[in-house]
């Protein structure tokens, strides 16, 4: 069974709940890291929890949702090995996998409705990393991460 981790703040809660049900119907075991309501909360806590699960290797992929997606992507990309892609379009999701091997999909509920979120998620989950010249670039990103850790 495929496993995926998902989280949101209050601004992404409703979309997260709908995507969670959608993913479970598609056969995914979904680990939900919160939040658990539309009550105001701070997004960094939830974005970090999700990114930590991907960075550690416990989950290969995750989906992080907030109102714009911007804050979540900033937080998630702080962790080594996380390649979080903020995607508002199906094409962006596809390219994030083909060229960047993204492992965290970030969605902004203000810009992505339920149907578009499902289409973006489907493409993101199905698209394989293209490799080739993109592997060289990913290795450069990994080198940058190692340099940062040594500082």
C-alpha atoms as a PDB file:
ATOM      1  CA  UNK A   1       0.000   0.000   0.000  1.00  0.00           C
ATOM      2  CA  UNK A   2       1.247   3.480  -0.839  1.00  0.00           C
ATOM      3  CA  UNK A   3       1.809   5.763   2.122  1.00  0.00           C
ATOM      4  CA  UNK A   4       1.746   9.540   2.162  1.00  0.00           C
ATOM      5  CA  UNK A   5       1.882  12.188   4.857  1.00  0.00           C
ATOM      6  CA  UNK A   6      -0.339  15.271   4.774  1.00  0.00           C
ATOM      7  CA  UNK A   7      -0.677  18.414   6.871  1.00  0.00           C
ATOM      8  CA  UNK A   8      -2.232  21.858   6.808  1.00  0.00           C
ATOM      9  CA  UNK A   9      -2.838  24.928   8.856  1.00  0.00           C
ATOM     10  CA  UNK A  10      -6.351  26.309   9.420  1.00  0.00           C
ATOM     11  CA  UNK A  11      -6.371  27.933   5.971  1.00  0.00           C
ATOM     12  CA  UNK A  12      -5.797  24.593   4.264  1.00  0.00           C
ATOM     13  CA  UNK A  13      -7.821  22.399   6.621  1.00  0.00           C
ATOM     14  CA  UNK A  14     -10.961  22.004   4.482  1.00  0.00           C
ATOM     15  CA  UNK A  15      -8.964  21.189   1.341  1.00  0.00           C
ATOM     16  CA  UNK A  16      -6.752  18.790   3.308  1.00  0.00           C
ATOM     17  CA  UNK A  17      -9.788  16.875   4.569  1.00  0.00           C
ATOM     18  CA  UNK A  18     -11.145  16.510   1.032  1.00  0.00           C
ATOM     19  CA  UNK A  19      -7.783  15.436  -0.386  1.00  0.00           C
ATOM     20  CA  UNK A  20      -7.274  12.972   2.438  1.00  0.00           C
ATOM     21  CA  UNK A  21     -10.572  11.219   1.619  1.00  0.00           C
ATOM     22  CA  UNK A  22      -9.709  11.294  -2.097  1.00  0.00           C
ATOM     23  CA  UNK A  23      -6.291   9.712  -1.482  1.00  0.00           C
ATOM     24  CA  UNK A  24      -7.712   7.035   0.803  1.00  0.00           C
ATOM     25  CA  UNK A  25     -10.258   6.092  -1.882  1.00  0.00           C
ATOM     26  CA  UNK A  26      -7.314   5.725  -4.280  1.00  0.00           C
ATOM     27  CA  UNK A  27      -5.721   3.209  -1.893  1.00  0.00           C
ATOM     28  CA  UNK A  28      -3.267   5.428  -0.031  1.00  0.00           C
ATOM     29  CA  UNK A  29      -2.612   5.091   3.669  1.00  0.00           C
ATOM     30  CA  UNK A  30      -2.638   8.746   4.705  1.00  0.00           C
ATOM     31  CA  UNK A  31      -0.936   9.952   7.864  1.00  0.00           C
ATOM     32  CA  UNK A  32      -2.489  13.260   8.879  1.00  0.00           C
ATOM     33  CA  UNK A  33      -0.230  15.477  11.001  1.00  0.00           C
ATOM     34  CA  UNK A  34      -2.881  18.142  11.579  1.00  0.00           C
ATOM     35  CA  UNK A  35      -4.237  20.652  12.082  1.00  0.00           C
ATOM     36  CA  UNK A  36      -7.577  19.249  13.113  1.00  0.00           C
ATOM     37  CA  UNK A  37      -9.869  22.259  12.668  1.00  0.00           C
ATOM     38  CA  UNK A  38     -10.329  25.657  11.040  1.00  0.00           C
ATOM     39  CA  UNK A  39      -9.316  27.331  14.309  1.00  0.00           C
ATOM     40  CA  UNK A  40      -6.420  29.729  13.725  1.00  0.00           C
ATOM     41  CA  UNK A  41      -2.981  28.179  14.177  1.00  0.00           C
ATOM     42  CA  UNK A  42       0.604  28.765  13.057  1.00  0.00           C
ATOM     43  CA  UNK A  43       1.576  27.099   9.772  1.00  0.00           C
ATOM     44  CA  UNK A  44       5.316  26.626  10.509  1.00  0.00           C
ATOM     45  CA  UNK A  45       4.595  23.919  13.093  1.00  0.00           C
ATOM     46  CA  UNK A  46       2.639  21.781  10.633  1.00  0.00           C
ATOM     47  CA  UNK A  47       4.878  22.396   7.617  1.00  0.00           C
ATOM     48  CA  UNK A  48       7.932  21.484   9.701  1.00  0.00           C
ATOM     49  CA  UNK A  49       6.346  18.283  11.048  1.00  0.00           C
ATOM     50  CA  UNK A  50       5.575  17.113   7.525  1.00  0.00           C
ATOM     51  CA  UNK A  51       8.960  18.088   6.095  1.00  0.00           C
ATOM     52  CA  UNK A  52      10.725  16.307   8.948  1.00  0.00           C
ATOM     53  CA  UNK A  53       8.917  13.068   8.032  1.00  0.00           C
ATOM     54  CA  UNK A  54      10.090  13.357   4.415  1.00  0.00           C
ATOM     55  CA  UNK A  55      13.602  14.525   5.312  1.00  0.00           C
ATOM     56  CA  UNK A  56      14.071  11.556   7.663  1.00  0.00           C
ATOM     57  CA  UNK A  57      12.974   9.100   4.971  1.00  0.00           C
ATOM     58  CA  UNK A  58      10.001   7.881   7.008  1.00  0.00           C
ATOM     59  CA  UNK A  59       7.777   8.999   4.123  1.00  0.00           C
ATOM     60  CA  UNK A  60       8.846   9.317   0.493  1.00  0.00           C
ATOM     61  CA  UNK A  61       6.281  12.033  -0.242  1.00  0.00           C
ATOM     62  CA  UNK A  62       4.032  14.515   1.477  1.00  0.00           C
ATOM     63  CA  UNK A  63       1.375  17.123   0.769  1.00  0.00           C
ATOM     64  CA  UNK A  64       1.347  20.397   2.691  1.00  0.00           C
ATOM     65  CA  UNK A  65      -1.536  22.882   2.446  1.00  0.00           C
ATOM     66  CA  UNK A  66      -2.071  26.421   3.672  1.00  0.00           C
ATOM     67  CA  UNK A  67      -3.929  29.446   2.302  1.00  0.00           C
ATOM     68  CA  UNK A  68      -1.251  30.606  -0.169  1.00  0.00           C
ATOM     69  CA  UNK A  69       1.226  27.730   0.050  1.00  0.00           C
ATOM     70  CA  UNK A  70       4.116  30.181   0.227  1.00  0.00           C
ATOM     71  CA  UNK A  71       4.862  29.885   3.940  1.00  0.00           C
ATOM     72  CA  UNK A  72       4.664  26.105   3.891  1.00  0.00           C
ATOM     73  CA  UNK A  73       7.066  25.850   0.982  1.00  0.00           C
ATOM     74  CA  UNK A  74       9.547  28.183   2.699  1.00  0.00           C
ATOM     75  CA  UNK A  75       9.493  26.081   5.866  1.00  0.00           C
ATOM     76  CA  UNK A  76       9.609  22.697   4.128  1.00  0.00           C
ATOM     77  CA  UNK A  77      12.581  23.626   1.969  1.00  0.00           C
ATOM     78  CA  UNK A  78      14.670  24.378   5.068  1.00  0.00           C
ATOM     79  CA  UNK A  79      15.088  20.662   5.744  1.00  0.00           C
ATOM     80  CA  UNK A  80      17.754  18.592   3.969  1.00  0.00           C
ATOM     81  CA  UNK A  81      16.506  16.348   1.213  1.00  0.00           C
ATOM     82  CA  UNK A  82      13.157  18.078   0.957  1.00  0.00           C
ATOM     83  CA  UNK A  83      12.241  19.434  -2.446  1.00  0.00           C
ATOM     84  CA  UNK A  84       8.926  21.154  -1.835  1.00  0.00           C
ATOM     85  CA  UNK A  85       7.124  22.501  -4.881  1.00  0.00           C
ATOM     86  CA  UNK A  86       4.322  25.033  -4.638  1.00  0.00           C
ATOM     87  CA  UNK A  87       1.999  24.116  -7.489  1.00  0.00           C
ATOM     88  CA  UNK A  88      -1.070  26.020  -8.638  1.00  0.00           C
ATOM     89  CA  UNK A  89      -1.290  24.218 -12.003  1.00  0.00           C
ATOM     90  CA  UNK A  90      -1.178  20.653 -13.311  1.00  0.00           C
ATOM     91  CA  UNK A  91       1.791  21.536 -15.536  1.00  0.00           C
ATOM     92  CA  UNK A  92       3.762  22.938 -12.596  1.00  0.00           C
ATOM     93  CA  UNK A  93       3.121  19.710 -10.665  1.00  0.00           C
ATOM     94  CA  UNK A  94       4.246  17.589 -13.607  1.00  0.00           C
ATOM     95  CA  UNK A  95       7.423  19.619 -14.147  1.00  0.00           C
ATOM     96  CA  UNK A  96       8.204  19.596 -10.422  1.00  0.00           C
ATOM     97  CA  UNK A  97       8.395  15.805 -10.630  1.00  0.00           C
ATOM     98  CA  UNK A  98       9.983  15.463 -14.082  1.00  0.00           C
ATOM     99  CA  UNK A  99      12.748  18.013 -13.540  1.00  0.00           C
ATOM    100  CA  UNK A 100      13.093  18.472  -9.771  1.00  0.00           C
ATOM    101  CA  UNK A 101      12.008  15.129  -8.311  1.00  0.00           C
ATOM    102  CA  UNK A 102       9.877  17.073  -5.820  1.00  0.00           C
ATOM    103  CA  UNK A 103       8.892  15.052  -2.777  1.00  0.00           C
ATOM    104  CA  UNK A 104       6.564  17.552  -1.096  1.00  0.00           C
ATOM    105  CA  UNK A 105       3.614  19.012  -2.946  1.00  0.00           C
ATOM    106  CA  UNK A 106       2.506  22.348  -1.529  1.00  0.00           C
ATOM    107  CA  UNK A 107      -0.955  23.644  -2.331  1.00  0.00           C
ATOM    108  CA  UNK A 108      -2.559  27.001  -1.625  1.00  0.00           C
ATOM    109  CA  UNK A 109      -6.265  26.693  -0.863  1.00  0.00           C
ATOM    110  CA  UNK A 110      -6.831  30.293  -1.932  1.00  0.00           C
ATOM    111  CA  UNK A 111      -5.659  29.466  -5.475  1.00  0.00           C
ATOM    112  CA  UNK A 112      -6.589  25.792  -5.920  1.00  0.00           C
ATOM    113  CA  UNK A 113     -10.142  24.457  -5.626  1.00  0.00           C
ATOM    114  CA  UNK A 114     -10.986  20.829  -4.774  1.00  0.00           C
ATOM    115  CA  UNK A 115     -11.131  19.563  -8.351  1.00  0.00           C
ATOM    116  CA  UNK A 116      -7.914  21.247  -9.417  1.00  0.00           C
ATOM    117  CA  UNK A 117      -6.176  20.015  -6.256  1.00  0.00           C
ATOM    118  CA  UNK A 118      -7.162  16.443  -7.118  1.00  0.00           C
ATOM    119  CA  UNK A 119      -5.895  16.808 -10.700  1.00  0.00           C
ATOM    120  CA  UNK A 120      -2.626  18.374  -9.507  1.00  0.00           C
ATOM    121  CA  UNK A 121      -2.183  15.614  -6.926  1.00  0.00           C
ATOM    122  CA  UNK A 122      -2.898  12.842  -9.457  1.00  0.00           C
ATOM    123  CA  UNK A 123      -0.297  14.157 -11.901  1.00  0.00           C
ATOM    124  CA  UNK A 124       2.217  14.768  -9.130  1.00  0.00           C
ATOM    125  CA  UNK A 125       1.811  11.224  -7.820  1.00  0.00           C
ATOM    126  CA  UNK A 126       1.962   9.559 -11.257  1.00  0.00           C
ATOM    127  CA  UNK A 127       4.839  11.500 -12.804  1.00  0.00           C
ATOM    128  CA  UNK A 128       8.285   9.914 -12.539  1.00  0.00           C
ATOM    129  CA  UNK A 129      11.543  11.835 -12.288  1.00  0.00           C
ATOM    130  CA  UNK A 130      13.057  12.200 -15.756  1.00  0.00           C
ATOM    131  CA  UNK A 131      16.691  11.894 -14.659  1.00  0.00           C
ATOM    132  CA  UNK A 132      19.308  12.715 -17.291  1.00  0.00           C
ATOM    133  CA  UNK A 133      20.549  16.296 -17.081  1.00  0.00           C
ATOM    134  CA  UNK A 134      18.207  16.876 -14.144  1.00  0.00           C
ATOM    135  CA  UNK A 135      20.143  14.373 -12.019  1.00  0.00           C
ATOM    136  CA  UNK A 136      23.222  16.585 -12.310  1.00  0.00           C
ATOM    137  CA  UNK A 137      21.195  19.533 -11.044  1.00  0.00           C
ATOM    138  CA  UNK A 138      19.720  17.582  -8.145  1.00  0.00           C
ATOM    139  CA  UNK A 139      23.231  16.540  -7.167  1.00  0.00           C
ATOM    140  CA  UNK A 140      24.202  20.215  -7.142  1.00  0.00           C
ATOM    141  CA  UNK A 141      21.334  20.887  -4.732  1.00  0.00           C
ATOM    142  CA  UNK A 142      22.555  18.042  -2.500  1.00  0.00           C
ATOM    143  CA  UNK A 143      26.070  19.550  -2.575  1.00  0.00           C
ATOM    144  CA  UNK A 144      24.645  22.905  -1.460  1.00  0.00           C
ATOM    145  CA  UNK A 145      22.807  21.172   1.404  1.00  0.00           C
ATOM    146  CA  UNK A 146      26.057  19.510   2.533  1.00  0.00           C
ATOM    147  CA  UNK A 147      27.896  22.861   2.418  1.00  0.00           C
ATOM    148  CA  UNK A 148      25.199  24.476   4.547  1.00  0.00           C
ATOM    149  CA  UNK A 149      25.347  21.684   7.141  1.00  0.00           C
ATOM    150  CA  UNK A 150      29.145  22.117   7.420  1.00  0.00           C
ATOM    151  CA  UNK A 151      28.911  25.869   8.084  1.00  0.00           C
END
